[in-house]
Amino acid sequence: MRAAATLTLTASDGAPAAAPVQTPDTLAGTARTLVSSIQPGTASPFKTEPQSAVLAQLGALPANGATLIEQALYRLVLKIKDMTRKGGTVILDDLGAFGVRWSAPRTARHPVTGVETVLPAQRQPTFTASSGFKAGTRAGLLLTDAEARNP
């Protein structure tokens, strides 16, 4: 594991912050450096890294193996969106549950005129992390739900 560089915040006027900020990820050595200007048409390292890891775990694949994996993940995401669009809940073991909830109608004011209007109820997507995902994230480990229940 490589040591992460200290995160330095810069004010909007370009002046450096008073002191470098130590984040929990910086202290744990899990901080990631992001390229600030990702070129159009190039994938983010947060997208390509999991794909590469899946390919490495699967070993030898046909020539179109990467495309097959990408299509499978794309279809999984589409199915999750479709099920939640219909009002259902999708539960993925050791990850969490995707669902939908309704917000209550509420009253709002126009900022200039002050006229009150009623905003209708809206559907909001939700995600509830599983117990293993939560516990693993807190501990900085990969944990399944069973491992989180039985430490």
N, C-alpha and C. Protein backbone atom coordinates (compact mmCIF):
# COMPACT_ATOMS: atom_id res chain seq x y z
N MET A 1 0.85 -1.17 0.00
CA MET A 1 0.00 0.00 0.00
C MET A 1 0.89 1.23 0.00
N ARG A 2 0.61 2.14 -0.90
CA ARG A 2 1.44 3.33 -1.00
C ARG A 2 0.90 4.42 -0.09
N ALA A 3 1.77 5.27 0.37
CA ALA A 3 1.35 6.39 1.21
C ALA A 3 0.72 7.45 0.33
N ALA A 4 -0.40 7.96 0.75
CA ALA A 4 -1.10 8.99 -0.02
C ALA A 4 -0.52 10.35 0.30
N ALA A 5 -0.55 11.21 -0.70
CA ALA A 5 -0.08 12.57 -0.50
C ALA A 5 -1.10 13.33 0.34
N THR A 6 -0.64 14.34 1.05
CA THR A 6 -1.52 15.15 1.86
C THR A 6 -2.44 15.96 0.97
N LEU A 7 -3.70 16.01 1.31
CA LEU A 7 -4.68 16.79 0.57
C LEU A 7 -4.50 18.26 0.92
N THR A 8 -4.26 19.09 -0.08
CA THR A 8 -4.10 20.52 0.14
C THR A 8 -5.28 21.23 -0.49
N LEU A 9 -6.01 21.98 0.31
CA LEU A 9 -7.14 22.74 -0.19
C LEU A 9 -6.68 24.12 -0.61
N THR A 10 -7.27 24.61 -1.69
CA THR A 10 -6.94 25.94 -2.18
C THR A 10 -8.20 26.77 -2.19
N ALA A 11 -8.10 28.00 -1.72
CA ALA A 11 -9.26 28.89 -1.70
C ALA A 11 -9.61 29.29 -3.13
N SER A 12 -10.83 29.80 -3.31
CA SER A 12 -11.29 30.17 -4.64
C SER A 12 -10.46 31.30 -5.25
N ASP A 13 -9.77 32.06 -4.42
CA ASP A 13 -8.92 33.13 -4.97
C ASP A 13 -7.53 32.63 -5.31
N GLY A 14 -7.27 31.33 -5.14
CA GLY A 14 -6.00 30.74 -5.50
C GLY A 14 -5.00 30.67 -4.36
N ALA A 15 -5.31 31.28 -3.24
CA ALA A 15 -4.39 31.25 -2.10
C ALA A 15 -4.48 29.88 -1.40
N PRO A 16 -3.34 29.32 -1.00
CA PRO A 16 -3.40 28.02 -0.32
C PRO A 16 -4.05 28.15 1.05
N ALA A 17 -4.65 27.05 1.50
CA ALA A 17 -5.28 27.04 2.83
C ALA A 17 -4.20 27.16 3.89
N ALA A 18 -4.61 27.49 5.10
CA ALA A 18 -3.66 27.72 6.19
C ALA A 18 -2.83 26.49 6.49
N ALA A 19 -3.43 25.32 6.53
CA ALA A 19 -2.70 24.10 6.86
C ALA A 19 -3.24 22.95 6.01
N PRO A 20 -2.40 21.98 5.67
CA PRO A 20 -2.89 20.82 4.92
C PRO A 20 -3.95 20.08 5.72
N VAL A 21 -4.94 19.54 5.04
CA VAL A 21 -6.03 18.83 5.69
C VAL A 21 -5.73 17.34 5.68
N GLN A 22 -5.80 16.73 6.83
CA GLN A 22 -5.62 15.29 6.94
C GLN A 22 -6.99 14.64 7.00
N THR A 23 -7.36 13.93 5.95
CA THR A 23 -8.64 13.24 5.94
C THR A 23 -8.46 11.85 6.52
N PRO A 24 -9.54 11.18 6.93
CA PRO A 24 -9.41 9.80 7.42
C PRO A 24 -8.76 8.88 6.38
N ASP A 25 -9.09 9.08 5.09
CA ASP A 25 -8.48 8.24 4.06
C ASP A 25 -6.99 8.52 3.92
N THR A 26 -6.60 9.77 4.09
CA THR A 26 -5.18 10.11 4.01
C THR A 26 -4.44 9.44 5.17
N LEU A 27 -5.00 9.49 6.36
CA LEU A 27 -4.36 8.89 7.53
C LEU A 27 -4.29 7.37 7.41
N ALA A 28 -5.32 6.75 6.81
CA ALA A 28 -5.35 5.29 6.68
C ALA A 28 -4.54 4.81 5.49
N GLY A 29 -4.14 5.74 4.62
CA GLY A 29 -3.38 5.34 3.44
C GLY A 29 -4.24 4.83 2.30
N THR A 30 -5.55 5.11 2.35
CA THR A 30 -6.45 4.64 1.31
C THR A 30 -6.92 5.76 0.39
N ALA A 31 -6.35 6.96 0.53
CA ALA A 31 -6.77 8.08 -0.31
C ALA A 31 -6.36 7.82 -1.76
N ARG A 32 -7.16 8.31 -2.67
CA ARG A 32 -6.91 8.15 -4.11
C ARG A 32 -6.68 9.51 -4.72
N THR A 33 -5.76 9.59 -5.66
CA THR A 33 -5.51 10.82 -6.38
C THR A 33 -6.32 10.78 -7.67
N LEU A 34 -7.11 11.81 -7.90
CA LEU A 34 -7.92 11.88 -9.10
C LEU A 34 -7.30 12.85 -10.09
N VAL A 35 -7.41 12.52 -11.35
CA VAL A 35 -6.97 13.44 -12.39
C VAL A 35 -8.06 14.49 -12.52
N SER A 36 -7.68 15.76 -12.40
CA SER A 36 -8.68 16.82 -12.38
C SER A 36 -9.29 17.09 -13.74
N SER A 37 -8.58 16.76 -14.80
CA SER A 37 -9.12 17.03 -16.13
C SER A 37 -9.19 15.73 -16.93
N ILE A 38 -10.25 15.01 -16.76
CA ILE A 38 -10.44 13.77 -17.51
C ILE A 38 -10.86 14.14 -18.92
N GLN A 39 -10.15 13.62 -19.88
CA GLN A 39 -10.42 13.93 -21.28
C GLN A 39 -11.71 13.24 -21.72
N PRO A 40 -12.50 13.92 -22.56
CA PRO A 40 -13.71 13.28 -23.08
C PRO A 40 -13.35 12.00 -23.84
N GLY A 41 -14.14 10.98 -23.64
CA GLY A 41 -13.91 9.70 -24.30
C GLY A 41 -13.00 8.77 -23.54
N THR A 42 -12.43 9.20 -22.42
CA THR A 42 -11.60 8.32 -21.62
C THR A 42 -12.36 7.94 -20.35
N ALA A 43 -12.13 6.74 -19.88
CA ALA A 43 -12.85 6.25 -18.72
C ALA A 43 -12.14 6.68 -17.44
N SER A 44 -12.92 6.88 -16.41
CA SER A 44 -12.40 7.21 -15.10
C SER A 44 -11.70 5.99 -14.51
N PRO A 45 -10.63 6.19 -13.70
CA PRO A 45 -10.00 5.04 -13.07
C PRO A 45 -10.96 4.29 -12.15
N PHE A 46 -11.99 4.97 -11.64
CA PHE A 46 -12.96 4.30 -10.78
C PHE A 46 -13.88 3.39 -11.58
N LYS A 47 -13.88 3.51 -12.91
CA LYS A 47 -14.65 2.60 -13.75
C LYS A 47 -13.78 1.48 -14.28
N THR A 48 -12.57 1.81 -14.71
CA THR A 48 -11.71 0.81 -15.33
C THR A 48 -11.08 -0.13 -14.30
N GLU A 49 -10.82 0.34 -13.11
CA GLU A 49 -10.18 -0.51 -12.10
C GLU A 49 -11.04 -1.71 -11.72
N PRO A 50 -12.35 -1.54 -11.41
CA PRO A 50 -13.17 -2.72 -11.11
C PRO A 50 -13.29 -3.67 -12.30
N GLN A 51 -13.39 -3.13 -13.51
CA GLN A 51 -13.47 -3.99 -14.69
C GLN A 51 -12.21 -4.82 -14.83
N SER A 52 -11.05 -4.23 -14.63
CA SER A 52 -9.79 -4.95 -14.72
C SER A 52 -9.70 -6.03 -13.63
N ALA A 53 -10.19 -5.71 -12.44
CA ALA A 53 -10.16 -6.67 -11.34
C ALA A 53 -11.05 -7.87 -11.64
N VAL A 54 -12.23 -7.63 -12.22
CA VAL A 54 -13.13 -8.73 -12.57
C VAL A 54 -12.49 -9.61 -13.63
N LEU A 55 -11.91 -8.98 -14.63
CA LEU A 55 -11.24 -9.76 -15.69
C LEU A 55 -10.10 -10.59 -15.13
N ALA A 56 -9.33 -10.04 -14.20
CA ALA A 56 -8.22 -10.78 -13.60
C ALA A 56 -8.72 -11.96 -12.79
N GLN A 57 -9.84 -11.79 -12.07
CA GLN A 57 -10.40 -12.88 -11.27
C GLN A 57 -10.95 -14.01 -12.14
N LEU A 58 -11.51 -13.65 -13.29
CA LEU A 58 -12.09 -14.67 -14.17
C LEU A 58 -11.05 -15.43 -14.96
N GLY A 59 -9.87 -14.87 -15.10
CA GLY A 59 -8.81 -15.56 -15.82
C GLY A 59 -9.00 -15.48 -17.33
N ALA A 60 -8.71 -16.58 -18.01
CA ALA A 60 -8.77 -16.60 -19.48
C ALA A 60 -10.21 -16.50 -19.96
N LEU A 61 -10.45 -15.54 -20.82
CA LEU A 61 -11.76 -15.32 -21.40
C LEU A 61 -11.63 -15.26 -22.91
N PRO A 62 -12.73 -15.43 -23.62
CA PRO A 62 -12.65 -15.25 -25.06
C PRO A 62 -12.26 -13.81 -25.40
N ALA A 63 -11.98 -13.57 -26.65
CA ALA A 63 -11.52 -12.26 -27.08
C ALA A 63 -12.49 -11.15 -26.70
N ASN A 64 -13.77 -11.44 -26.67
CA ASN A 64 -14.76 -10.43 -26.34
C ASN A 64 -15.18 -10.49 -24.87
N GLY A 65 -14.35 -11.04 -24.00
CA GLY A 65 -14.68 -11.19 -22.59
C GLY A 65 -14.97 -9.89 -21.89
N ALA A 66 -14.15 -8.87 -22.16
CA ALA A 66 -14.36 -7.58 -21.52
C ALA A 66 -15.70 -6.98 -21.94
N THR A 67 -16.04 -7.14 -23.20
CA THR A 67 -17.32 -6.63 -23.70
C THR A 67 -18.48 -7.37 -23.05
N LEU A 68 -18.35 -8.67 -22.88
CA LEU A 68 -19.41 -9.45 -22.23
C LEU A 68 -19.64 -9.00 -20.79
N ILE A 69 -18.56 -8.76 -20.07
CA ILE A 69 -18.68 -8.31 -18.68
C ILE A 69 -19.30 -6.93 -18.62
N GLU A 70 -18.87 -6.03 -19.49
CA GLU A 70 -19.43 -4.69 -19.52
C GLU A 70 -20.92 -4.72 -19.83
N GLN A 71 -21.32 -5.57 -20.77
CA GLN A 71 -22.74 -5.69 -21.12
C GLN A 71 -23.54 -6.27 -19.96
N ALA A 72 -22.98 -7.26 -19.26
CA ALA A 72 -23.68 -7.85 -18.13
C ALA A 72 -23.90 -6.83 -17.02
N LEU A 73 -22.87 -6.04 -16.72
CA LEU A 73 -23.02 -5.01 -15.69
C LEU A 73 -24.01 -3.93 -16.13
N TYR A 74 -23.97 -3.57 -17.40
CA TYR A 74 -24.90 -2.58 -17.93
C TYR A 74 -26.34 -3.08 -17.81
N ARG A 75 -26.56 -4.35 -18.15
CA ARG A 75 -27.91 -4.92 -18.06
C ARG A 75 -28.37 -5.03 -16.61
N LEU A 76 -27.45 -5.32 -15.70
CA LEU A 76 -27.80 -5.38 -14.29
C LEU A 76 -28.28 -4.01 -13.81
N VAL A 77 -27.56 -2.96 -14.17
CA VAL A 77 -27.95 -1.60 -13.77
C VAL A 77 -29.30 -1.25 -14.39
N LEU A 78 -29.50 -1.59 -15.66
CA LEU A 78 -30.79 -1.31 -16.30
C LEU A 78 -31.93 -2.04 -15.60
N LYS A 79 -31.71 -3.27 -15.19
CA LYS A 79 -32.75 -4.05 -14.50
C LYS A 79 -33.06 -3.43 -13.14
N ILE A 80 -32.04 -2.97 -12.43
CA ILE A 80 -32.26 -2.30 -11.14
C ILE A 80 -33.10 -1.04 -11.36
N LYS A 81 -32.75 -0.25 -12.38
CA LYS A 81 -33.51 0.97 -12.67
C LYS A 81 -34.94 0.64 -13.05
N ASP A 82 -35.14 -0.41 -13.84
CA ASP A 82 -36.49 -0.78 -14.28
C ASP A 82 -37.35 -1.23 -13.10
N MET A 83 -36.78 -2.05 -12.22
CA MET A 83 -37.54 -2.54 -11.06
C MET A 83 -37.91 -1.40 -10.11
N THR A 84 -36.98 -0.48 -9.88
CA THR A 84 -37.29 0.64 -8.99
C THR A 84 -38.25 1.62 -9.66
N ARG A 85 -38.18 1.75 -10.97
CA ARG A 85 -39.12 2.62 -11.70
C ARG A 85 -40.55 2.13 -11.51
N LYS A 86 -40.70 0.81 -11.43
CA LYS A 86 -42.01 0.20 -11.24
C LYS A 86 -42.45 0.19 -9.78
N GLY A 87 -41.58 0.71 -8.88
CA GLY A 87 -41.93 0.78 -7.47
C GLY A 87 -41.42 -0.38 -6.65
N GLY A 88 -40.63 -1.27 -7.24
CA GLY A 88 -40.11 -2.42 -6.52
C GLY A 88 -38.82 -2.12 -5.79
N THR A 89 -38.33 -3.13 -5.10
CA THR A 89 -37.07 -3.04 -4.38
C THR A 89 -36.16 -4.14 -4.88
N VAL A 90 -34.90 -3.82 -5.13
CA VAL A 90 -33.92 -4.80 -5.57
C VAL A 90 -32.90 -4.95 -4.46
N ILE A 91 -32.76 -6.18 -3.96
CA ILE A 91 -31.82 -6.45 -2.88
C ILE A 91 -30.67 -7.28 -3.44
N LEU A 92 -29.46 -6.76 -3.30
CA LEU A 92 -28.26 -7.47 -3.71
C LEU A 92 -27.52 -7.88 -2.43
N ASP A 93 -27.39 -9.19 -2.24
CA ASP A 93 -26.73 -9.69 -1.03
C ASP A 93 -25.34 -9.07 -0.88
N ASP A 94 -24.98 -8.75 0.34
CA ASP A 94 -23.69 -8.18 0.70
C ASP A 94 -23.44 -6.80 0.11
N LEU A 95 -24.44 -6.20 -0.54
CA LEU A 95 -24.29 -4.84 -1.05
C LEU A 95 -25.36 -3.94 -0.44
N GLY A 96 -26.64 -4.23 -0.71
CA GLY A 96 -27.70 -3.42 -0.15
C GLY A 96 -28.96 -3.50 -0.97
N ALA A 97 -29.88 -2.58 -0.70
CA ALA A 97 -31.19 -2.58 -1.34
C ALA A 97 -31.42 -1.25 -2.06
N PHE A 98 -31.83 -1.35 -3.31
CA PHE A 98 -32.22 -0.19 -4.09
C PHE A 98 -33.74 -0.13 -4.08
N GLY A 99 -34.29 1.03 -3.87
CA GLY A 99 -35.74 1.15 -3.82
C GLY A 99 -36.19 2.56 -4.15
N VAL A 100 -37.47 2.81 -3.89
CA VAL A 100 -38.08 4.11 -4.16
C VAL A 100 -38.93 4.48 -2.97
N ARG A 101 -38.93 5.75 -2.62
CA ARG A 101 -39.86 6.24 -1.59
C ARG A 101 -40.50 7.51 -2.12
N TRP A 102 -41.65 7.81 -1.58
CA TRP A 102 -42.38 9.01 -1.99
C TRP A 102 -42.13 10.11 -0.98
N SER A 103 -41.85 11.30 -1.47
CA SER A 103 -41.75 12.45 -0.59
C SER A 103 -43.15 13.04 -0.45
N ALA A 104 -43.43 13.63 0.66
CA ALA A 104 -44.74 14.24 0.88
C ALA A 104 -44.87 15.53 0.08
N PRO A 105 -46.08 15.89 -0.32
CA PRO A 105 -46.24 17.20 -0.96
C PRO A 105 -45.85 18.30 0.03
N ARG A 106 -45.29 19.38 -0.49
CA ARG A 106 -44.85 20.44 0.42
C ARG A 106 -45.16 21.81 -0.18
N THR A 107 -45.19 22.78 0.68
CA THR A 107 -45.45 24.15 0.26
C THR A 107 -44.13 24.88 0.10
N ALA A 108 -44.01 25.63 -0.99
CA ALA A 108 -42.79 26.41 -1.24
C ALA A 108 -43.18 27.83 -1.61
N ARG A 109 -42.25 28.74 -1.45
CA ARG A 109 -42.48 30.14 -1.83
C ARG A 109 -41.57 30.51 -2.99
N HIS A 110 -42.13 31.30 -3.91
CA HIS A 110 -41.32 31.85 -4.99
C HIS A 110 -40.36 32.86 -4.36
N PRO A 111 -39.06 32.79 -4.67
CA PRO A 111 -38.10 33.65 -3.98
C PRO A 111 -38.28 35.15 -4.25
N VAL A 112 -38.85 35.50 -5.39
CA VAL A 112 -38.99 36.92 -5.72
C VAL A 112 -40.36 37.46 -5.32
N THR A 113 -41.42 36.74 -5.73
CA THR A 113 -42.77 37.25 -5.49
C THR A 113 -43.32 36.85 -4.13
N GLY A 114 -42.81 35.77 -3.55
CA GLY A 114 -43.31 35.30 -2.27
C GLY A 114 -44.60 34.51 -2.38
N VAL A 115 -45.05 34.21 -3.60
CA VAL A 115 -46.29 33.46 -3.80
C VAL A 115 -46.05 32.00 -3.40
N GLU A 116 -46.99 31.47 -2.58
CA GLU A 116 -46.89 30.08 -2.15
C GLU A 116 -47.43 29.16 -3.24
N THR A 117 -46.72 28.05 -3.45
CA THR A 117 -47.18 27.01 -4.37
C THR A 117 -47.00 25.67 -3.68
N VAL A 118 -47.81 24.72 -4.09
CA VAL A 118 -47.72 23.37 -3.53
C VAL A 118 -46.93 22.51 -4.51
N LEU A 119 -45.84 21.96 -4.03
CA LEU A 119 -45.05 21.03 -4.83
C LEU A 119 -45.61 19.63 -4.61
N PRO A 120 -45.92 18.90 -5.68
CA PRO A 120 -46.54 17.59 -5.51
C PRO A 120 -45.55 16.56 -4.94
N ALA A 121 -46.10 15.45 -4.50
CA ALA A 121 -45.27 14.35 -4.01
C ALA A 121 -44.39 13.86 -5.15
N GLN A 122 -43.17 13.43 -4.81
CA GLN A 122 -42.24 12.94 -5.82
C GLN A 122 -41.66 11.61 -5.39
N ARG A 123 -41.31 10.81 -6.40
CA ARG A 123 -40.60 9.55 -6.12
C ARG A 123 -39.12 9.84 -6.04
N GLN A 124 -38.48 9.32 -5.00
CA GLN A 124 -37.06 9.50 -4.79
C GLN A 124 -36.37 8.14 -4.76
N PRO A 125 -35.28 7.96 -5.51
CA PRO A 125 -34.55 6.69 -5.42
C PRO A 125 -33.83 6.60 -4.08
N THR A 126 -33.75 5.40 -3.54
CA THR A 126 -33.06 5.19 -2.26
C THR A 126 -32.10 4.02 -2.38
N PHE A 127 -31.10 4.02 -1.55
CA PHE A 127 -30.18 2.89 -1.42
C PHE A 127 -29.90 2.71 0.05
N THR A 128 -30.09 1.50 0.54
CA THR A 128 -29.79 1.16 1.92
C THR A 128 -28.68 0.13 1.91
N ALA A 129 -27.53 0.48 2.44
CA ALA A 129 -26.39 -0.43 2.45
C ALA A 129 -26.65 -1.60 3.39
N SER A 130 -26.12 -2.77 3.03
CA SER A 130 -26.28 -3.96 3.87
C SER A 130 -25.40 -3.82 5.11
N SER A 131 -25.66 -4.67 6.09
CA SER A 131 -24.91 -4.60 7.35
C SER A 131 -23.42 -4.89 7.11
N GLY A 132 -23.11 -5.82 6.22
CA GLY A 132 -21.72 -6.12 5.92
C GLY A 132 -21.02 -4.98 5.22
N PHE A 133 -21.74 -4.31 4.32
CA PHE A 133 -21.18 -3.16 3.60
C PHE A 133 -20.88 -2.03 4.58
N LYS A 134 -21.83 -1.76 5.49
CA LYS A 134 -21.63 -0.69 6.47
C LYS A 134 -20.47 -0.99 7.41
N ALA A 135 -20.47 -2.21 7.97
CA ALA A 135 -19.42 -2.57 8.93
C ALA A 135 -18.06 -2.62 8.25
N GLY A 136 -18.01 -3.14 7.04
CA GLY A 136 -16.75 -3.20 6.31
C GLY A 136 -16.21 -1.83 5.98
N THR A 137 -17.11 -0.92 5.60
CA THR A 137 -16.68 0.44 5.28
C THR A 137 -16.12 1.12 6.51
N ARG A 138 -16.80 0.95 7.64
CA ARG A 138 -16.31 1.57 8.89
C ARG A 138 -14.94 1.04 9.28
N ALA A 139 -14.75 -0.28 9.09
CA ALA A 139 -13.49 -0.92 9.50
C ALA A 139 -12.42 -0.87 8.42
N GLY A 140 -12.77 -0.46 7.21
CA GLY A 140 -11.81 -0.45 6.11
C GLY A 140 -11.50 -1.84 5.60
N LEU A 141 -12.49 -2.76 5.69
CA LEU A 141 -12.31 -4.15 5.28
C LEU A 141 -13.40 -4.55 4.29
N LEU A 142 -13.21 -5.68 3.63
CA LEU A 142 -14.27 -6.27 2.82
C LEU A 142 -14.97 -7.30 3.69
N LEU A 143 -16.23 -7.05 4.04
CA LEU A 143 -16.97 -7.97 4.89
C LEU A 143 -18.28 -8.36 4.21
N THR A 144 -18.65 -9.62 4.36
CA THR A 144 -19.97 -10.06 3.92
C THR A 144 -20.94 -9.79 5.06
N ASP A 145 -22.23 -9.94 4.79
CA ASP A 145 -23.22 -9.75 5.85
C ASP A 145 -23.02 -10.77 6.97
N ALA A 146 -22.71 -12.01 6.60
CA ALA A 146 -22.50 -13.06 7.61
C ALA A 146 -21.30 -12.75 8.49
N GLU A 147 -20.23 -12.25 7.88
CA GLU A 147 -19.04 -11.89 8.68
C GLU A 147 -19.32 -10.71 9.59
N ALA A 148 -20.17 -9.79 9.16
CA ALA A 148 -20.51 -8.64 9.99
C ALA A 148 -21.37 -9.06 11.18
N ARG A 149 -22.24 -10.06 10.98
CA ARG A 149 -23.09 -10.54 12.07
C ARG A 149 -22.32 -11.37 13.08
N ASN A 150 -21.32 -12.13 12.61
CA ASN A 150 -20.54 -13.02 13.47
C ASN A 150 -19.08 -12.61 13.42
N PRO A 151 -18.68 -11.60 14.20
CA PRO A 151 -17.30 -11.12 14.12
C PRO A 151 -16.28 -12.10 14.64
